[in-house]
Amino acid sequence: MNRKFIEALLLIGPNCPYCATMMQLFNEIIKQGQLGKLEIINIEVQPELAVDLGVRSVPWLRIGGFEFEGILDQAEIVHWIKQVGETNGMANYFEYLLGKAQLAKALNIINSHPIYLQDLLILVEDTERRIDVRLGVGAVFEELQNSGLLYDLVEKLALLTRNPVASVRADAAHYLSLTQNQQAIPHLQALLHDANAEVRDIAAESIMALQ
């Protein structure tokens, strides 16, 4: 994506000790052509916007679909500008949120935009992601169990049950049980003959949960 067309929104406050620094950083970033447009809003002048966005502290920043609270350095800002529109951009953003234990924020995003569930599956499949992030993904799925949002994920999760890495197959088997979709059962039955004992056990438990 052409970064000239990427816009950012920065919310500041009059008593914020870090907001001036953020504005200076963005001034330099825009000069370098890294960003097309920056809108700066003082929440003391427009408090209704902060309420609408659920902003509790400043500086608060939105770049594309990514939202951040607190100060970021120039390298971080440029990094997230580059992530806008990238194939794994949202997956990397979820990794950022879950790595900072911002589970509620990740859930809010998915509840508003269920299509982003497919980006969580990228994290399930990528065993190079940090363990706390992978655990965070599991927590998101657990929280969504009764939401109905997982129901249509069966086929995508079924692909992961054929992953060469046993831990991915095990995670997929567990998440299939959370879909509450009976169409997951044949895929789980296939895992009853998996070479890995843990995968077999989780598949059996998942079948029982669905039945």
Protein backbone atom coordinates (compact mmCIF):
# COMPACT_ATOMS: atom_id res chain seq x y z
CA MET A 1 0.00 0.00 0.00
CA ASN A 2 1.22 3.46 -0.87
CA ARG A 3 2.03 5.14 2.45
CA LYS A 4 1.13 8.53 0.98
CA PHE A 5 -2.51 7.52 1.28
CA ILE A 6 -2.28 6.21 4.86
CA GLU A 7 -3.83 8.48 7.46
CA ALA A 8 -3.25 8.66 11.19
CA LEU A 9 -5.25 10.15 14.04
CA LEU A 10 -3.51 11.42 17.17
CA LEU A 11 -5.45 12.45 20.25
CA ILE A 12 -3.67 14.69 22.73
CA GLY A 13 -4.44 16.53 25.95
CA PRO A 14 -3.21 19.80 27.46
CA ASN A 15 -1.58 18.16 30.48
CA CYS A 16 -0.05 15.23 28.62
CA PRO A 17 3.75 15.09 29.14
CA TYR A 18 4.32 12.87 26.08
CA CYS A 19 1.98 14.38 23.49
CA ALA A 20 4.43 17.06 22.35
CA THR A 21 7.04 14.37 21.73
CA MET A 22 4.60 12.37 19.62
CA MET A 23 3.73 15.43 17.55
CA GLN A 24 7.42 16.11 16.92
CA LEU A 25 7.96 12.52 15.83
CA PHE A 26 5.07 12.69 13.38
CA ASN A 27 6.33 15.99 12.00
CA GLU A 28 9.56 14.25 11.04
CA ILE A 29 7.77 11.16 9.70
CA ILE A 30 5.54 13.26 7.45
CA LYS A 31 8.55 15.24 6.20
CA GLN A 32 10.16 11.93 5.22
CA GLY A 33 7.07 10.96 3.21
CA GLN A 34 6.28 7.97 5.42
CA LEU A 35 2.70 9.11 6.03
CA GLY A 36 0.14 10.94 3.92
CA LYS A 37 -1.96 12.70 6.56
CA LEU A 38 -2.05 13.21 10.31
CA GLU A 39 -5.05 14.61 12.15
CA ILE A 40 -4.38 15.91 15.67
CA ILE A 41 -7.27 16.49 18.05
CA ASN A 42 -7.19 17.92 21.56
CA ILE A 43 -9.68 15.88 23.58
CA GLU A 44 -10.27 18.81 25.92
CA VAL A 45 -11.74 20.67 22.97
CA GLN A 46 -13.54 17.63 21.51
CA PRO A 47 -14.20 15.32 24.49
CA GLU A 48 -17.08 13.62 22.69
CA LEU A 49 -14.64 12.03 20.24
CA ALA A 50 -12.65 10.49 23.07
CA VAL A 51 -15.88 9.06 24.48
CA ASP A 52 -16.92 7.65 21.11
CA LEU A 53 -13.53 5.97 20.64
CA GLY A 54 -13.33 4.73 24.22
CA VAL A 55 -10.12 6.63 24.83
CA ARG A 56 -9.08 6.76 28.48
CA SER A 57 -5.62 8.26 28.23
CA VAL A 58 -3.45 10.22 25.82
CA PRO A 59 -1.48 10.17 23.68
CA TRP A 60 -3.77 7.85 21.73
CA LEU A 61 -2.97 6.91 18.16
CA ARG A 62 -4.72 5.21 15.27
CA ILE A 63 -2.82 4.22 12.15
CA GLY A 64 -5.05 2.52 9.63
CA GLY A 65 -6.91 -0.07 11.72
CA PHE A 66 -4.27 -0.18 14.47
CA GLU A 67 -4.84 1.65 17.75
CA PHE A 68 -2.24 2.42 20.43
CA GLU A 69 -2.27 3.99 23.87
CA GLY A 70 0.79 5.74 25.23
CA ILE A 71 3.98 6.90 23.58
CA LEU A 72 5.65 5.07 20.68
CA ASP A 73 9.09 5.84 19.33
CA GLN A 74 9.70 6.80 15.72
CA ALA A 75 10.78 3.32 14.65
CA GLU A 76 7.60 1.81 16.10
CA ILE A 77 5.39 4.35 14.37
CA VAL A 78 7.07 3.76 11.01
CA HIS A 79 6.82 -0.01 11.56
CA TRP A 80 3.04 0.15 12.01
CA ILE A 81 2.62 2.51 9.07
CA LYS A 82 4.33 -0.14 6.95
CA GLN A 83 2.07 -2.86 8.38
CA VAL A 84 -1.11 -1.18 7.11
CA GLY A 85 -2.43 -3.22 4.20
CA GLU A 86 0.17 -5.97 4.57
CA THR A 87 -1.01 -9.60 4.41
CA ASN A 88 0.00 -10.34 8.01
CA GLY A 89 -0.48 -6.80 9.29
CA MET A 90 -3.51 -7.53 11.44
CA ALA A 91 -2.01 -10.80 12.69
CA ASN A 92 1.07 -8.87 13.78
CA TYR A 93 -1.17 -6.31 15.49
CA PHE A 94 -2.95 -9.08 17.40
CA GLU A 95 0.46 -10.41 18.40
CA TYR A 96 1.29 -6.93 19.71
CA LEU A 97 -1.97 -6.71 21.71
CA LEU A 98 -1.80 -10.21 23.16
CA GLY A 99 1.88 -9.79 23.98
CA LYS A 100 0.88 -6.79 26.08
CA ALA A 101 -2.02 -8.69 27.69
CA GLN A 102 -4.61 -6.51 25.95
CA LEU A 103 -7.07 -9.36 25.54
CA ALA A 104 -10.14 -7.14 25.93
CA LYS A 105 -9.02 -4.91 23.08
CA ALA A 106 -8.42 -7.89 20.80
CA LEU A 107 -11.88 -9.22 21.64
CA ASN A 108 -13.50 -5.86 20.94
CA ILE A 109 -11.88 -5.75 17.51
CA ILE A 110 -13.02 -9.26 16.61
CA ASN A 111 -16.55 -8.71 17.88
CA SER A 112 -16.75 -5.62 15.67
CA HIS A 113 -14.97 -7.22 12.71
CA PRO A 114 -15.33 -11.05 12.80
CA ILE A 115 -13.41 -11.32 9.53
CA TYR A 116 -10.24 -10.73 11.55
CA LEU A 117 -10.61 -14.20 13.06
CA GLN A 118 -8.68 -15.48 10.05
CA ASP A 119 -5.74 -13.37 11.21
CA LEU A 120 -5.79 -15.16 14.55
CA LEU A 121 -5.46 -18.44 12.66
CA ILE A 122 -2.19 -17.13 11.23
CA LEU A 123 -0.92 -16.94 14.81
CA VAL A 124 -2.18 -20.48 15.53
CA GLU A 125 -0.23 -21.85 12.59
CA ASP A 126 2.96 -19.88 13.18
CA THR A 127 4.86 -21.77 15.86
CA GLU A 128 7.57 -19.10 15.88
CA ARG A 129 5.25 -16.69 17.70
CA ARG A 130 5.90 -16.20 21.41
CA ILE A 131 4.24 -18.64 23.81
CA ASP A 132 2.38 -15.86 25.64
CA VAL A 133 0.90 -14.77 22.32
CA ARG A 134 -0.20 -18.32 21.48
CA LEU A 135 -1.78 -18.63 24.92
CA GLY A 136 -3.49 -15.30 24.31
CA VAL A 137 -4.96 -16.64 21.07
CA GLY A 138 -6.35 -19.57 23.03
CA ALA A 139 -7.90 -17.18 25.52
CA VAL A 140 -9.59 -15.27 22.68
CA PHE A 141 -11.10 -18.47 21.28
CA GLU A 142 -12.30 -19.52 24.73
CA GLU A 143 -13.99 -16.16 25.25
CA LEU A 144 -15.72 -16.43 21.86
CA GLN A 145 -16.99 -19.97 22.43
CA ASN A 146 -20.62 -18.97 22.97
CA SER A 147 -20.64 -15.99 20.62
CA GLY A 148 -21.49 -17.88 17.45
CA LEU A 149 -18.54 -16.23 15.70
CA LEU A 150 -16.54 -19.46 15.56
CA TYR A 151 -19.28 -21.56 13.94
CA ASP A 152 -18.10 -20.96 10.37
CA LEU A 153 -14.40 -21.52 11.11
CA VAL A 154 -14.63 -25.30 10.81
CA GLU A 155 -13.08 -25.64 7.35
CA LYS A 156 -10.24 -23.22 8.11
CA LEU A 157 -9.46 -25.03 11.36
CA ALA A 158 -9.73 -28.36 9.57
CA LEU A 159 -6.82 -27.29 7.36
CA LEU A 160 -4.74 -26.83 10.50
CA THR A 161 -5.54 -30.37 11.67
CA ARG A 162 -3.31 -31.52 8.80
CA ASN A 163 -0.41 -29.28 9.78
CA PRO A 164 2.93 -31.15 10.13
CA VAL A 165 3.46 -29.66 13.62
CA ALA A 166 1.69 -31.65 16.36
CA SER A 167 1.09 -28.62 18.60
CA VAL A 168 -0.78 -26.86 15.78
CA ARG A 169 -2.93 -29.95 15.18
CA ALA A 170 -3.65 -30.14 18.91
CA ASP A 171 -4.67 -26.47 19.08
CA ALA A 172 -6.86 -26.87 16.00
CA ALA A 173 -8.58 -29.90 17.54
CA HIS A 174 -9.39 -27.95 20.68
CA TYR A 175 -10.62 -24.90 18.79
CA LEU A 176 -12.87 -27.10 16.66
CA SER A 177 -14.73 -28.09 19.81
CA LEU A 178 -15.33 -24.41 20.56
CA THR A 179 -17.07 -23.84 17.22
CA GLN A 180 -20.09 -25.80 18.52
CA ASN A 181 -20.53 -27.00 14.94
CA GLN A 182 -21.25 -30.69 14.35
CA GLN A 183 -19.50 -30.49 10.99
CA ALA A 184 -16.23 -30.46 12.92
CA ILE A 185 -16.69 -34.07 14.07
CA PRO A 186 -15.43 -35.85 10.89
CA HIS A 187 -12.25 -33.77 11.00
CA LEU A 188 -11.76 -34.66 14.64
CA GLN A 189 -12.42 -38.35 14.00
CA ALA A 190 -9.57 -38.32 11.52
CA LEU A 191 -7.30 -37.12 14.33
CA LEU A 192 -8.14 -40.16 16.46
CA HIS A 193 -5.47 -41.96 14.41
CA ASP A 194 -2.89 -39.16 14.70
CA ALA A 195 0.72 -40.17 15.38
CA ASN A 196 0.79 -37.86 18.41
CA ALA A 197 -0.91 -39.08 21.61
CA GLU A 198 -1.80 -35.59 22.81
CA VAL A 199 -3.51 -34.80 19.51
CA ARG A 200 -5.49 -38.05 19.74
CA ASP A 201 -6.57 -37.26 23.31
CA ILE A 202 -7.66 -33.71 22.51
CA ALA A 203 -9.54 -34.90 19.42
CA ALA A 204 -11.44 -37.45 21.52
CA GLU A 205 -12.28 -34.83 24.14
CA SER A 206 -13.43 -32.42 21.45
CA ILE A 207 -15.72 -35.02 19.88
CA MET A 208 -17.29 -35.68 23.27
CA ALA A 209 -17.79 -31.94 23.81
CA LEU A 210 -19.54 -31.59 20.46
CA GLN A 211 -21.73 -34.64 20.97
